[in-house]
Amino acid sequence: MRYSRLLATTRKELASTYGIKSQDLLIQAGYIRPLGAGIFSAMHFAHRSFRKIEQILREELDKIGGVEISMPVVHPADIWKKTNRYFEVDESLVRFKDRADRDLVLAMTHEEVVATLALSDVTSYRQLPKLIYQMQTKFRDEVRSRGGLIRVREFIMKDSYSLDSSWKGLEEQYQAHYQAYFNIFERVGLPVIAIESDVGMMGGKVAHEYMYLTEIGEDTIFICEETGYQANKEVATFKKSVPDEMEMKALEKVYTPGTKTIEDLAAFLGISSSHCGKVVFFNGEIQGKEKVIMAIVRGDMEVNENKLQSLTKSKILEPATEEQILSINSVPGYASPMDIDRSNVLLVVDDLIPSSMNMVLGANQADHHLKHVCYGREYEADIIGDIVSAFDGAVAPDATSDHQLLKAVRGVEVGNIFQLGTKYTEALDAFFMDENGRRQPIIMGSYGIGVGRLLGCLSEAYHDENGLKLPLAVAPYHVIITALLDNDEIRDTAEKIYRELLTAGIEVLYDDRDKKVARAGEKFADADLIGIPMRITVSTRSLKNGGVELKLRNEGQGHIVPVEHVLPEVSKILEQIK
C-alpha cells in the first residue's frame, strides 16, 4: 500500500477527545474517525487490524469445532418478546417499526436467532452438539459511550453459540471456549485474567469475564494475590467477621437530631458504624407485582444491588421514591422494619444481620433512632443472604489467614462466556428428541469478544510518548518504507524494495509522499505514530553508508543493511518476532 493513496492520514496535534492517550492516538494515527457518540468509521489501518483479529478468532474457534455463519442485524421483535427480553432490557435495545407497523429490534446479541435456527434445524440428539459463530455488527444504545473504542454503541463482535443435548456437553464446550479465549488473547498479545461474573441480562447458570487490567477500565475487580481469588465486583464475596455473641439489651428510643447518614449517627452516639444498621429502599417487580424492597446491611458496608436483585429475582431494581417509603409507614433517613406496613414490602437482610445484636436502627420517626435492636426479637426478614459489596482490604473468601486480603483493581472486559442453559430454547420451543424418545430443550452456551474493544485495549497496552506500538499479529502492516525522496536513486531503491517485499508476501506500507508534502521529520514521526513494527529508511545518508537503515519500532537504534540483503534480513527478523 502506498501512503499517498490513504484517505485518513495522521494528524500533527494529539486529539484530546477522550482524555485517554491511547484512544486519542487511534484518531491521531488515522485508525478511526468518530461520526457520532460511540459511532466510528474504521479507516484503513483499523480495518486491517480488525481483519487480523477476526482471523485469529476464526482459527481458534475452528479448532474447537466452530462453524462460521452470518445472522441478520435487524430482528423481528416477536422472538425477543417470547424470551421476555424485549420487555426486560432497557433502552440500550433499540426498538422500531417497519412500514407495516411490525415491531423490530437492532441486534445487540443473537441468542434468540440461534434458538430459532435450532428450532428449524435440530430435531434429534444425534444432531448435537453444534457450535456456530459469526463476526457481526451489533448496536447497543449505551447510556454513556466513552473512551474511544472502549465503550461504543455500534461494534463488531465475535459471538459464538453452543448447542448441546446434555449439561455435560455444555460444560465441555464451555471449557473449550475458556481455553480458546486464553489462546486468542495470547496470540494478539493482550494479558487478561478470567474472573467469575454475574450472568446479567443473558441469564443462565455460570459466567466468566476476561478482563484486561488497566487504570482506564470502568469495571472493578477484586483479586487476592495470595489465594488466587478473582471476581467482578458484582459477585465478589469476602470473609465476614461475625461479632462476638452479646447479651440482648432492652430496646431504647433516643433523640438523634439531624442524623440522616450513618456517619452522622455514629458520631452523634459515639459508636462504630458497624453497630448501626443501614436501611436502603428499592422499587422492585417480583412475579409481576411491584413491591418495595427494604434491604438492611451493617452500617460499615454497602448494598450490592446486583446481588440483591439476583437474590430477590426482581425484574427491576431502582431507588424507591420518598412517596413509596412514606406509603409503608416508614421515614426516609430514620427507617427501620418495625411497625411498618409489610403487606407490600419484601424485607431482605444481609447474612451478618442476624448475628449482629443490639444494633441502632431508625425509629420511623424524624430525628429518632432505636438502640439495641435485635434480629429475631424485634423483627424477622423475608430473605436472608449475602447482599453487600466486597471492598479493598476485605479478607478473601478463600483465605486461610486474616492477612490474605482483597485488592480492588480496574479493568476492561474484553470477552465473556455464559452457560445459558435452556432459557432461550424453552421460550422459543427449540426442543429435540433424546435417545429415549423424550422431548427435551436444547441446552445453549453463549460466548463473545468485541473486536473493536480488543483493538482499543491493545492500543492502551502498546503505546509510548511517540505513538502506537502494536504487536506484529495485529499491526496493520509489518513494515513501513520511509523514503526521503531527494533524488531518483532513492526513489528507485525504495520502489525496488517495495516490490520485492510485496512479491514475498510481506505486508508493507510505502511512504511515497513527496518531500513537499511531508518532510523527513514528519515521515519519521508518522512511522512511530502509526506503530508499524519495522521501519526501513531509504535516504542519501543510508545509501552512502552502504544500504538502507532497518529499525524496529521498540528499539532505539537501527542498523544498515545492504539493499540486496533487505528481503532475507526482513524475513528473518519477522520470523523471530512471530
Protein backbone atom coordinates (compact mmCIF):
# COMPACT_ATOMS: atom_id res chain seq x y z
CA MET A 1 0.00 0.00 0.00
CA ARG A 2 1.24 3.46 -0.92
CA TYR A 3 0.75 6.05 1.78
CA SER A 4 -0.33 8.65 -0.78
CA ARG A 5 -3.46 6.56 -1.50
CA LEU A 6 -4.79 6.73 2.07
CA LEU A 7 -7.86 8.81 2.85
CA ALA A 8 -7.33 9.16 6.59
CA THR A 9 -3.76 10.04 7.47
CA THR A 10 -2.06 11.24 10.63
CA ARG A 11 -2.73 14.47 12.45
CA LYS A 12 0.02 16.64 13.87
CA GLU A 13 -1.73 17.51 17.11
CA LEU A 14 -2.83 14.89 19.61
CA ALA A 15 -6.61 14.95 19.81
CA SER A 16 -7.83 15.28 23.39
CA THR A 17 -11.27 13.94 22.59
CA TYR A 18 -11.38 11.17 25.20
CA GLY A 19 -8.79 12.09 27.82
CA ILE A 20 -7.19 8.66 27.31
CA LYS A 21 -3.97 8.95 25.34
CA SER A 22 -4.16 5.52 23.74
CA GLN A 23 -7.64 6.16 22.34
CA ASP A 24 -6.76 9.65 21.17
CA LEU A 25 -3.73 8.15 19.41
CA LEU A 26 -6.06 5.96 17.33
CA ILE A 27 -7.57 9.15 15.91
CA GLN A 28 -4.25 10.95 15.55
CA ALA A 29 -2.65 7.96 13.79
CA GLY A 30 -5.52 7.71 11.30
CA TYR A 31 -7.00 4.44 12.55
CA ILE A 32 -10.51 5.68 13.34
CA ARG A 33 -12.73 8.68 12.74
CA PRO A 34 -15.68 9.49 15.03
CA LEU A 35 -19.03 10.01 13.31
CA GLY A 36 -21.21 10.39 16.39
CA ALA A 37 -21.28 9.46 20.07
CA GLY A 38 -19.93 5.91 20.23
CA ILE A 39 -20.01 5.52 16.42
CA PHE A 40 -16.77 5.29 14.44
CA SER A 41 -15.53 4.71 10.92
CA ALA A 42 -12.73 2.15 10.86
CA MET A 43 -10.22 3.64 8.45
CA HIS A 44 -7.67 1.59 6.52
CA PHE A 45 -5.31 0.87 9.43
CA ALA A 46 -8.05 -0.11 11.88
CA HIS A 47 -9.83 -2.12 9.19
CA ARG A 48 -6.71 -4.19 8.58
CA SER A 49 -6.16 -4.70 12.31
CA PHE A 50 -9.79 -5.74 12.74
CA ARG A 51 -9.45 -8.32 9.96
CA LYS A 52 -6.32 -9.75 11.59
CA ILE A 53 -8.05 -10.04 14.96
CA GLU A 54 -11.03 -11.69 13.28
CA GLN A 55 -8.78 -14.20 11.53
CA ILE A 56 -7.21 -15.20 14.84
CA LEU A 57 -10.71 -15.59 16.28
CA ARG A 58 -11.71 -17.77 13.32
CA GLU A 59 -8.69 -20.01 13.62
CA GLU A 60 -9.17 -20.63 17.34
CA LEU A 61 -12.94 -21.16 17.02
CA ASP A 62 -12.41 -23.55 14.11
CA LYS A 63 -10.01 -25.58 16.27
CA ILE A 64 -12.79 -26.33 18.77
CA GLY A 65 -15.32 -27.25 16.09
CA GLY A 66 -16.87 -23.87 15.28
CA VAL A 67 -18.75 -23.28 12.03
CA GLU A 68 -19.00 -19.69 10.79
CA ILE A 69 -22.34 -18.27 9.70
CA SER A 70 -23.88 -14.79 9.45
CA MET A 71 -27.13 -13.74 11.09
CA PRO A 72 -29.23 -10.59 10.50
CA VAL A 73 -28.67 -7.33 12.33
CA VAL A 74 -32.41 -6.49 12.30
CA HIS A 75 -34.67 -8.94 14.17
CA PRO A 76 -38.45 -9.25 14.34
CA ALA A 77 -39.36 -8.25 17.88
CA ASP A 78 -41.60 -11.31 18.30
CA ILE A 79 -38.68 -13.59 19.12
CA TRP A 80 -37.40 -11.11 21.73
CA LYS A 81 -40.89 -10.89 23.19
CA LYS A 82 -41.06 -14.68 23.55
CA THR A 83 -37.92 -14.67 25.71
CA ASN A 84 -39.24 -11.56 27.51
CA ARG A 85 -36.03 -9.64 26.85
CA TYR A 86 -37.98 -7.17 24.69
CA PHE A 87 -39.59 -6.02 27.94
CA GLU A 88 -36.69 -6.64 30.35
CA VAL A 89 -33.83 -4.88 28.55
CA ASP A 90 -33.68 -1.11 28.96
CA GLU A 91 -33.32 1.50 26.21
CA SER A 92 -29.95 0.04 25.17
CA LEU A 93 -32.04 -2.29 22.97
CA VAL A 94 -33.17 -0.18 20.01
CA ARG A 95 -36.82 -0.85 19.13
CA PHE A 96 -38.53 0.46 15.99
CA LYS A 97 -41.28 -0.33 13.49
CA ASP A 98 -41.24 -1.06 9.79
CA ARG A 99 -43.68 0.42 7.25
CA ALA A 100 -46.17 -2.38 8.03
CA ASP A 101 -46.15 -1.35 11.71
CA ARG A 102 -44.31 -4.52 12.76
CA ASP A 103 -42.04 -4.27 15.80
CA LEU A 104 -38.32 -4.74 15.08
CA VAL A 105 -35.10 -4.51 17.10
CA LEU A 106 -31.46 -3.82 16.27
CA ALA A 107 -29.37 -6.78 17.34
CA MET A 108 -27.26 -6.33 20.45
CA THR A 109 -26.79 -10.11 20.66
CA HIS A 110 -28.19 -13.15 18.84
CA GLU A 111 -29.41 -15.76 21.35
CA GLU A 112 -33.00 -15.53 20.09
CA VAL A 113 -31.95 -16.01 16.48
CA VAL A 114 -29.78 -19.02 17.35
CA ALA A 115 -32.64 -20.64 19.26
CA THR A 116 -34.90 -20.04 16.25
CA LEU A 117 -32.34 -21.66 13.94
CA ALA A 118 -32.07 -24.62 16.31
CA LEU A 119 -35.87 -24.95 16.26
CA SER A 120 -35.88 -25.24 12.49
CA ASP A 121 -32.85 -27.50 12.06
CA VAL A 122 -32.37 -29.69 15.14
CA THR A 123 -34.84 -32.45 15.92
CA SER A 124 -32.76 -35.30 17.37
CA TYR A 125 -29.97 -35.77 19.90
CA ARG A 126 -27.98 -37.32 17.04
CA GLN A 127 -27.63 -33.82 15.52
CA LEU A 128 -25.94 -32.44 18.63
CA PRO A 129 -23.56 -30.98 19.68
CA LYS A 130 -23.21 -27.91 17.45
CA LEU A 131 -21.07 -24.77 17.65
CA ILE A 132 -21.74 -21.78 15.39
CA TYR A 133 -20.14 -18.35 15.35
CA GLN A 134 -20.14 -15.09 13.41
CA MET A 135 -18.36 -11.74 13.07
CA GLN A 136 -21.28 -9.36 13.05
CA THR A 137 -22.19 -5.74 13.65
CA LYS A 138 -24.10 -5.07 16.84
CA PHE A 139 -25.78 -1.93 18.16
CA ARG A 140 -26.26 -1.11 21.81
CA ASP A 141 -27.55 2.34 22.72
CA GLU A 142 -25.20 2.89 25.65
CA VAL A 143 -26.21 5.49 28.20
CA ARG A 144 -22.64 6.73 28.23
CA SER A 145 -20.30 5.79 25.42
CA ARG A 146 -16.74 6.60 26.47
CA GLY A 147 -13.06 6.05 25.92
CA GLY A 148 -12.84 5.80 22.15
CA LEU A 149 -13.15 2.12 21.24
CA ILE A 150 -13.51 1.03 24.88
CA ARG A 151 -17.27 1.61 25.07
CA VAL A 152 -19.13 2.26 21.83
CA ARG A 153 -22.66 1.89 20.51
CA GLU A 154 -22.00 0.22 17.16
CA PHE A 155 -19.36 -2.51 17.16
CA ILE A 156 -18.20 -5.74 15.60
CA MET A 157 -18.45 -8.78 17.83
CA LYS A 158 -17.39 -12.35 17.50
CA ASP A 159 -20.29 -14.17 19.09
CA SER A 160 -20.45 -17.95 19.22
CA TYR A 161 -23.18 -20.26 20.45
CA SER A 162 -23.06 -23.89 21.53
CA LEU A 163 -25.99 -26.29 21.30
CA ASP A 164 -25.97 -29.48 23.36
CA SER A 165 -28.20 -32.34 24.39
CA SER A 166 -26.80 -32.52 27.94
CA TRP A 167 -25.39 -30.30 30.65
CA LYS A 168 -22.16 -32.32 30.46
CA GLY A 169 -21.91 -31.39 26.79
CA LEU A 170 -22.43 -27.71 27.62
CA GLU A 171 -19.70 -27.90 30.26
CA GLU A 172 -17.29 -29.43 27.72
CA GLN A 173 -17.96 -26.72 25.13
CA TYR A 174 -17.73 -24.06 27.84
CA GLN A 175 -14.33 -25.34 28.92
CA ALA A 176 -13.19 -25.47 25.28
CA HIS A 177 -14.12 -21.80 24.91
CA TYR A 178 -12.50 -20.98 28.24
CA GLN A 179 -9.13 -22.19 26.93
CA ALA A 180 -9.65 -20.94 23.36
CA TYR A 181 -10.11 -17.41 24.70
CA PHE A 182 -6.79 -17.56 26.52
CA ASN A 183 -5.20 -18.75 23.28
CA ILE A 184 -6.76 -15.82 21.42
CA PHE A 185 -5.60 -13.19 23.88
CA GLU A 186 -2.13 -14.71 24.00
CA ARG A 187 -1.88 -14.59 20.20
CA VAL A 188 -2.87 -10.92 19.99
CA GLY A 189 -0.58 -10.09 22.91
CA LEU A 190 -3.09 -8.88 25.49
CA PRO A 191 -2.64 -10.04 29.11
CA VAL A 192 -6.00 -10.97 30.65
CA ILE A 193 -7.45 -12.75 33.65
CA ALA A 194 -10.68 -14.74 33.72
CA ILE A 195 -12.97 -13.86 36.60
CA GLU A 196 -16.26 -15.11 37.94
CA SER A 197 -19.07 -12.79 36.88
CA ASP A 198 -22.80 -12.25 37.02
CA VAL A 199 -24.99 -13.67 34.26
CA GLY A 200 -26.87 -10.36 33.98
CA MET A 201 -29.49 -9.93 31.25
CA MET A 202 -28.13 -13.01 29.46
CA GLY A 203 -29.40 -15.35 32.13
CA GLY A 204 -28.14 -18.87 32.76
CA LYS A 205 -26.05 -20.62 35.40
CA VAL A 206 -22.37 -19.73 35.14
CA ALA A 207 -20.43 -16.88 33.54
CA HIS A 208 -16.85 -15.65 33.28
CA GLU A 209 -15.40 -12.38 32.05
CA TYR A 210 -11.96 -11.89 30.57
CA MET A 211 -10.52 -8.71 31.98
CA TYR A 212 -7.59 -6.61 30.84
CA LEU A 213 -6.36 -4.90 33.99
CA THR A 214 -5.81 -1.19 33.39
CA GLU A 215 -6.46 2.10 35.11
CA ILE A 216 -8.67 3.24 32.21
CA GLY A 217 -11.10 0.41 32.95
CA GLU A 218 -14.53 1.15 34.39
CA ASP A 219 -15.04 -2.31 35.90
CA THR A 220 -13.85 -3.07 39.42
CA ILE A 221 -12.30 -6.48 40.04
CA PHE A 222 -11.32 -7.93 43.36
CA ILE A 223 -8.28 -10.17 43.45
CA CYS A 224 -6.22 -11.81 46.17
CA GLU A 225 -2.68 -12.37 45.01
CA GLU A 226 -2.01 -14.93 47.75
CA THR A 227 -5.05 -17.18 47.30
CA GLY A 228 -5.67 -16.56 43.59
CA TYR A 229 -9.26 -15.40 44.16
CA GLN A 230 -10.63 -13.23 41.32
CA ALA A 231 -14.17 -11.91 40.86
CA ASN A 232 -16.09 -8.98 39.44
CA LYS A 233 -17.49 -6.53 41.98
CA GLU A 234 -20.99 -7.68 41.06
CA VAL A 235 -20.43 -11.13 42.54
CA ALA A 236 -17.27 -10.81 44.68
CA THR A 237 -17.56 -12.13 48.21
CA PHE A 238 -15.34 -11.83 51.26
CA LYS A 239 -14.91 -13.46 54.64
CA LYS A 240 -17.19 -11.64 57.03
CA SER A 241 -16.20 -11.14 60.63
CA VAL A 242 -19.04 -12.42 62.81
CA PRO A 243 -19.43 -10.34 66.00
CA ASP A 244 -18.90 -11.94 69.39
CA GLU A 245 -22.09 -13.17 70.95
CA MET A 246 -23.69 -10.42 73.00
CA GLU A 247 -26.46 -10.37 75.54
CA MET A 248 -29.62 -8.70 74.26
CA LYS A 249 -30.29 -5.33 75.83
CA ALA A 250 -33.59 -3.60 76.30
CA LEU A 251 -34.87 -1.62 73.33
CA GLU A 252 -34.38 2.11 73.79
CA LYS A 253 -35.63 5.07 71.79
CA VAL A 254 -33.23 8.01 71.59
CA TYR A 255 -33.40 11.54 70.23
CA THR A 256 -30.90 11.93 67.35
CA PRO A 257 -31.49 15.26 65.60
CA GLY A 258 -30.07 15.75 62.09
CA THR A 259 -28.57 12.26 61.80
CA LYS A 260 -29.85 11.01 58.46
CA THR A 261 -26.50 9.44 57.48
CA ILE A 262 -24.68 6.56 59.13
CA GLU A 263 -21.62 8.76 59.65
CA ASP A 264 -23.63 11.44 61.45
CA LEU A 265 -25.46 8.87 63.56
CA ALA A 266 -22.30 7.02 64.64
CA ALA A 267 -20.56 10.30 65.52
CA PHE A 268 -23.57 11.53 67.49
CA LEU A 269 -23.85 8.33 69.55
CA GLY A 270 -20.10 7.80 69.84
CA ILE A 271 -20.23 4.30 68.35
CA SER A 272 -18.76 2.46 65.40
CA SER A 273 -20.73 2.47 62.15
CA SER A 274 -20.64 -1.34 62.32
CA HIS A 275 -23.08 -1.13 65.26
CA CYS A 276 -25.59 0.73 63.09
CA GLY A 277 -27.97 -0.76 60.59
CA LYS A 278 -28.14 0.78 57.12
CA VAL A 279 -31.60 0.66 55.52
CA VAL A 280 -31.87 1.12 51.74
CA PHE A 281 -35.17 1.13 49.85
CA PHE A 282 -35.72 -0.01 46.28
CA ASN A 283 -38.63 -0.34 43.93
CA GLY A 284 -38.80 -3.89 42.55
CA GLU A 285 -41.02 -6.11 40.47
CA ILE A 286 -41.40 -9.66 41.73
CA GLN A 287 -43.57 -12.20 39.94
CA GLY A 288 -45.28 -9.40 38.04
CA LYS A 289 -46.09 -7.37 41.16
CA GLU A 290 -44.45 -4.09 42.10
CA LYS A 291 -43.01 -4.13 45.62
CA VAL A 292 -40.90 -2.01 47.92
CA ILE A 293 -37.70 -3.90 48.66
CA MET A 294 -36.26 -2.96 52.04
CA ALA A 295 -32.62 -4.00 52.38
CA ILE A 296 -30.71 -3.88 55.68
CA VAL A 297 -26.93 -4.19 55.95
CA ARG A 298 -24.41 -3.22 58.59
CA GLY A 299 -23.55 0.47 58.60
CA ASP A 300 -19.95 -0.11 57.62
CA MET A 301 -20.98 -1.91 54.42
CA GLU A 302 -22.75 -1.08 51.17
CA VAL A 303 -25.69 -2.81 49.48
CA ASN A 304 -24.64 -4.66 46.33
CA GLU A 305 -27.59 -4.04 44.03
CA ASN A 306 -26.63 -6.85 41.69
CA LYS A 307 -26.59 -9.41 44.50
CA LEU A 308 -29.86 -8.02 45.87
CA GLN A 309 -31.61 -8.25 42.51
CA SER A 310 -30.33 -11.77 41.96
CA LEU A 311 -31.41 -12.89 45.44
CA THR A 312 -34.89 -11.38 45.18
CA LYS A 313 -35.33 -12.35 41.50
CA SER A 314 -36.73 -8.88 40.91
CA LYS A 315 -37.22 -7.93 37.28
CA ILE A 316 -36.27 -4.32 38.04
CA LEU A 317 -34.36 -2.66 40.86
CA GLU A 318 -34.38 1.10 41.16
CA PRO A 319 -34.25 3.55 44.06
CA ALA A 320 -37.57 3.88 45.84
CA THR A 321 -39.21 7.30 45.92
CA GLU A 322 -39.90 9.20 49.10
CA GLU A 323 -43.61 8.66 48.49
CA GLN A 324 -43.11 4.89 48.35
CA ILE A 325 -41.17 4.91 51.61
CA LEU A 326 -43.81 7.00 53.35
CA SER A 327 -46.57 4.75 51.97
CA ILE A 328 -45.33 1.82 54.09
CA ASN A 329 -45.27 3.99 57.28
CA SER A 330 -41.52 4.45 57.26
CA VAL A 331 -39.50 7.67 57.33
CA PRO A 332 -36.54 8.36 54.97
CA GLY A 333 -33.31 8.70 56.93
CA TYR A 334 -34.85 7.22 60.09
CA ALA A 335 -36.17 3.90 58.82
CA SER A 336 -36.49 0.54 60.47
CA PRO A 337 -38.51 -2.61 59.76
CA MET A 338 -40.56 -2.28 62.96
CA ASP A 339 -44.15 -1.08 62.82
CA ILE A 340 -44.23 -0.69 59.05
CA ASP A 341 -46.86 -1.97 56.65
CA ARG A 342 -45.31 -5.25 55.47
CA SER A 343 -48.13 -6.06 53.04
CA ASN A 344 -46.25 -4.61 50.05
CA VAL A 345 -42.69 -4.90 51.35
CA LEU A 346 -40.06 -7.54 50.74
CA LEU A 347 -37.64 -7.33 53.68
CA VAL A 348 -34.14 -8.58 52.88
CA VAL A 349 -31.23 -8.56 55.34
CA ASP A 350 -27.58 -9.38 54.87
CA ASP A 351 -26.48 -12.65 56.43
CA LEU A 352 -24.45 -10.73 59.05
CA ILE A 353 -27.53 -9.02 60.47
CA PRO A 354 -29.00 -11.99 62.42
CA SER A 355 -25.75 -12.33 64.40
CA SER A 356 -25.33 -8.58 64.98
CA MET A 357 -27.14 -7.89 68.24
CA ASN A 358 -28.04 -4.55 69.82
CA MET A 359 -27.87 -2.54 66.63
CA VAL A 360 -29.05 1.02 66.10
CA LEU A 361 -31.86 1.46 63.56
CA GLY A 362 -34.29 4.23 62.80
CA ALA A 363 -37.48 4.64 64.80
CA ASN A 364 -39.60 5.54 61.75
CA GLN A 365 -39.85 8.97 63.31
CA ALA A 366 -37.87 12.03 62.27
CA ASP A 367 -34.83 12.74 64.49
CA HIS A 368 -35.23 9.48 66.44
CA HIS A 369 -33.49 6.12 66.44
CA LEU A 370 -33.82 2.85 68.34
CA LYS A 371 -30.89 1.39 70.25
CA HIS A 372 -30.39 -2.32 70.96
CA VAL A 373 -32.46 -3.62 68.05
CA CYS A 374 -32.09 -7.41 67.88
CA TYR A 375 -32.96 -9.53 64.89
CA GLY A 376 -35.42 -12.26 65.84
CA ARG A 377 -36.79 -10.29 68.76
CA GLU A 378 -37.85 -7.04 67.10
CA TYR A 379 -38.29 -8.27 63.54
CA GLU A 380 -37.62 -11.06 61.05
CA ALA A 381 -36.82 -10.87 57.34
CA ASP A 382 -38.41 -12.45 54.32
CA ILE A 383 -34.99 -13.29 52.84
CA ILE A 384 -31.52 -13.59 54.39
CA GLY A 385 -28.44 -13.67 52.14
CA ASP A 386 -25.22 -12.03 51.06
CA ILE A 387 -26.21 -8.60 49.72
CA VAL A 388 -23.12 -6.50 50.46
CA SER A 389 -20.30 -5.33 48.22
CA ALA A 390 -16.74 -6.50 48.65
CA PHE A 391 -14.21 -3.77 49.37
CA ASP A 392 -10.49 -3.13 49.14
CA GLY A 393 -8.77 -4.69 52.17
CA ALA A 394 -11.51 -7.22 52.96
CA VAL A 395 -10.38 -10.74 53.83
CA ALA A 396 -10.55 -13.02 50.78
CA PRO A 397 -13.37 -15.59 50.92
CA ASP A 398 -10.91 -18.47 50.48
CA ALA A 399 -8.35 -17.04 52.91
CA THR A 400 -6.69 -19.27 55.47
CA SER A 401 -5.33 -16.21 57.24
CA ASP A 402 -6.75 -12.79 58.07
CA HIS A 403 -3.76 -11.31 56.24
CA GLN A 404 -4.88 -12.62 52.84
CA LEU A 405 -6.75 -9.55 51.66
CA LEU A 406 -8.69 -8.49 48.58
CA LYS A 407 -7.29 -5.80 46.35
CA ALA A 408 -9.56 -3.68 44.14
CA VAL A 409 -8.21 -3.14 40.62
CA ARG A 410 -9.66 -1.59 37.48
CA GLY A 411 -10.17 -3.44 34.24
CA VAL A 412 -11.88 -3.58 30.84
CA GLU A 413 -13.98 -6.58 29.90
CA VAL A 414 -12.71 -7.90 26.56
CA GLY A 415 -14.61 -11.19 26.44
CA ASN A 416 -17.31 -13.16 28.19
CA ILE A 417 -18.69 -16.69 28.26
CA PHE A 418 -22.07 -17.86 29.57
CA GLN A 419 -23.67 -21.20 30.34
CA LEU A 420 -27.16 -20.15 29.25
CA GLY A 421 -28.92 -23.45 29.74
CA THR A 422 -32.47 -23.67 28.37
CA LYS A 423 -33.74 -20.11 28.90
CA TYR A 424 -33.93 -19.29 25.18
CA THR A 425 -34.69 -22.69 23.73
CA GLU A 426 -37.64 -23.29 26.05
CA ALA A 427 -39.07 -19.85 25.28
CA LEU A 428 -38.75 -20.42 21.52
CA ASP A 429 -39.77 -24.09 21.60
CA ALA A 430 -36.38 -25.38 20.39
CA PHE A 431 -36.63 -28.99 21.57
CA PHE A 432 -35.13 -32.28 20.42
CA MET A 433 -35.94 -35.95 20.92
CA ASP A 434 -33.49 -37.70 23.23
CA GLU A 435 -32.33 -41.31 22.96
CA ASN A 436 -35.38 -42.43 24.96
CA GLY A 437 -37.81 -40.66 22.68
CA ARG A 438 -38.49 -37.87 25.16
CA ARG A 439 -38.78 -34.22 24.14
CA GLN A 440 -36.04 -32.09 25.73
CA PRO A 441 -34.98 -28.42 25.40
CA ILE A 442 -31.66 -27.79 23.66
CA ILE A 443 -29.01 -26.56 26.09
CA MET A 444 -27.18 -23.39 24.99
CA GLY A 445 -23.97 -21.54 25.70
CA SER A 446 -23.04 -18.04 24.52
CA TYR A 447 -19.55 -16.58 24.08
CA GLY A 448 -18.48 -13.09 22.94
CA ILE A 449 -15.42 -10.97 22.14
CA GLY A 450 -15.64 -7.37 20.94
CA VAL A 451 -13.21 -6.82 18.06
CA GLY A 452 -13.04 -3.02 18.33
CA ARG A 453 -12.72 -3.01 22.09
CA LEU A 454 -9.90 -5.51 21.81
CA LEU A 455 -8.01 -3.14 19.49
CA GLY A 456 -8.75 -0.30 21.92
CA CYS A 457 -7.21 -2.29 24.77
CA LEU A 458 -4.20 -3.26 22.66
CA SER A 459 -3.58 0.41 21.91
CA GLU A 460 -3.62 1.06 25.66
CA ALA A 461 -1.24 -1.82 26.34
CA TYR A 462 1.14 -0.91 23.49
CA HIS A 463 1.92 2.77 23.13
CA ASP A 464 4.51 5.28 24.22
CA GLU A 465 5.00 9.04 24.04
CA ASN A 466 5.60 8.82 20.27
CA GLY A 467 2.57 6.75 19.27
CA LEU A 468 1.27 3.20 18.97
CA LYS A 469 3.43 0.07 19.21
CA LEU A 470 1.01 -2.66 18.22
CA PRO A 471 2.17 -6.29 18.23
CA LEU A 472 3.04 -7.85 14.89
CA ALA A 473 -0.05 -10.08 15.00
CA VAL A 474 -2.45 -7.12 14.84
CA ALA A 475 -0.39 -4.23 13.42
CA PRO A 476 -1.91 -3.02 10.12
CA TYR A 477 1.40 -3.58 8.33
CA HIS A 478 4.62 -5.35 9.29
CA VAL A 479 7.00 -2.96 7.54
CA ILE A 480 6.94 0.70 6.58
CA ILE A 481 9.36 2.05 3.96
CA THR A 482 10.21 5.65 4.75
CA ALA A 483 11.80 7.09 1.64
CA LEU A 484 13.34 10.56 1.85
CA LEU A 485 12.79 11.29 -1.83
CA ASP A 486 15.68 13.62 -2.58
CA ASN A 487 16.69 12.04 -5.90
CA ASP A 488 15.95 9.30 -8.41
CA GLU A 489 18.37 6.83 -6.81
CA ILE A 490 16.42 6.94 -3.56
CA ARG A 491 13.10 6.61 -5.38
CA ASP A 492 14.31 3.68 -7.49
CA THR A 493 15.78 1.89 -4.46
CA ALA A 494 12.61 2.35 -2.43
CA GLU A 495 10.46 1.11 -5.33
CA LYS A 496 12.71 -1.95 -5.78
CA ILE A 497 12.50 -2.89 -2.08
CA TYR A 498 8.75 -2.26 -2.05
CA ARG A 499 8.15 -4.60 -4.99
CA GLU A 500 10.43 -7.30 -3.54
CA LEU A 501 8.68 -7.29 -0.19
CA LEU A 502 5.23 -7.35 -1.80
CA THR A 503 6.22 -10.26 -4.03
CA ALA A 504 7.47 -12.16 -0.97
CA GLY A 505 4.08 -11.70 0.71
CA ILE A 506 5.33 -9.27 3.35
CA GLU A 507 2.83 -6.63 4.46
CA VAL A 508 4.41 -3.32 3.61
CA LEU A 509 3.33 0.32 3.68
CA TYR A 510 5.37 2.56 1.38
CA ASP A 511 5.54 6.22 2.48
CA ASP A 512 5.84 7.64 -1.02
CA ARG A 513 4.91 11.21 -0.13
CA ASP A 514 6.92 13.87 -1.87
CA LYS A 515 9.16 15.96 0.38
CA LYS A 516 6.97 18.98 -0.42
CA VAL A 517 4.09 17.12 1.23
CA ALA A 518 5.97 15.58 4.16
CA ARG A 519 9.48 16.38 5.29
CA ALA A 520 11.86 13.78 6.75
CA GLY A 521 11.00 14.55 10.37
CA GLU A 522 7.28 14.28 9.64
CA LYS A 523 7.73 10.91 7.97
CA PHE A 524 9.73 9.52 10.88
CA ALA A 525 7.16 10.84 13.37
CA ASP A 526 4.29 9.33 11.38
CA ALA A 527 6.00 5.93 11.22
CA ASP A 528 6.30 5.92 15.02
CA LEU A 529 2.78 7.27 15.48
CA ILE A 530 1.17 4.57 13.33
CA GLY A 531 3.20 1.94 15.15
CA ILE A 532 4.37 -0.28 12.28
CA PRO A 533 6.76 -2.83 13.90
CA MET A 534 9.65 -2.35 11.41
CA ARG A 535 10.86 0.74 9.55
CA ILE A 536 13.12 0.75 6.51
CA THR A 537 14.60 4.18 5.79
CA VAL A 538 15.98 4.95 2.35
CA SER A 539 17.98 8.19 2.29
CA THR A 540 21.11 9.75 0.85
CA ARG A 541 22.91 9.09 4.15
CA SER A 542 21.87 5.42 4.32
CA LEU A 543 22.95 4.75 0.73
CA LYS A 544 26.33 6.38 1.38
CA ASN A 545 26.71 4.09 4.39
CA GLY A 546 26.12 1.00 2.27
CA GLY A 547 22.37 0.41 2.03
CA VAL A 548 19.20 1.22 3.96
CA GLU A 549 18.54 1.64 7.66
CA LEU A 550 16.42 -1.05 9.28
CA LYS A 551 14.94 -0.17 12.69
CA LEU A 552 12.37 -1.88 14.93
CA ARG A 553 9.67 0.32 16.49
CA ASN A 554 10.50 -0.81 20.01
CA GLU A 555 14.26 -0.32 19.67
CA GLY A 556 16.24 2.89 19.90
CA GLN A 557 18.82 2.32 17.18
CA GLY A 558 18.69 0.93 13.67
CA HIS A 559 21.37 -0.71 11.55
CA ILE A 560 22.44 -0.55 7.92
CA VAL A 561 21.52 -3.44 5.63
CA PRO A 562 22.79 -3.75 2.02
CA VAL A 563 19.94 -3.37 -0.47
CA GLU A 564 20.39 -6.90 -1.81
CA HIS A 565 20.09 -8.32 1.74
CA VAL A 566 16.93 -6.45 2.73
CA LEU A 567 14.43 -9.20 1.90
CA PRO A 568 16.23 -12.04 3.72
CA GLU A 569 17.00 -9.78 6.70
CA VAL A 570 13.40 -8.58 6.99
CA SER A 571 12.08 -12.12 6.63
CA LYS A 572 14.44 -13.40 9.34
CA ILE A 573 13.54 -10.64 11.81
CA LEU A 574 9.79 -11.00 11.22
CA GLU A 575 10.05 -14.74 11.81
CA GLN A 576 11.91 -14.11 15.08
CA ILE A 577 9.24 -11.64 16.20
CA LYS A 578 6.48 -14.13 15.37
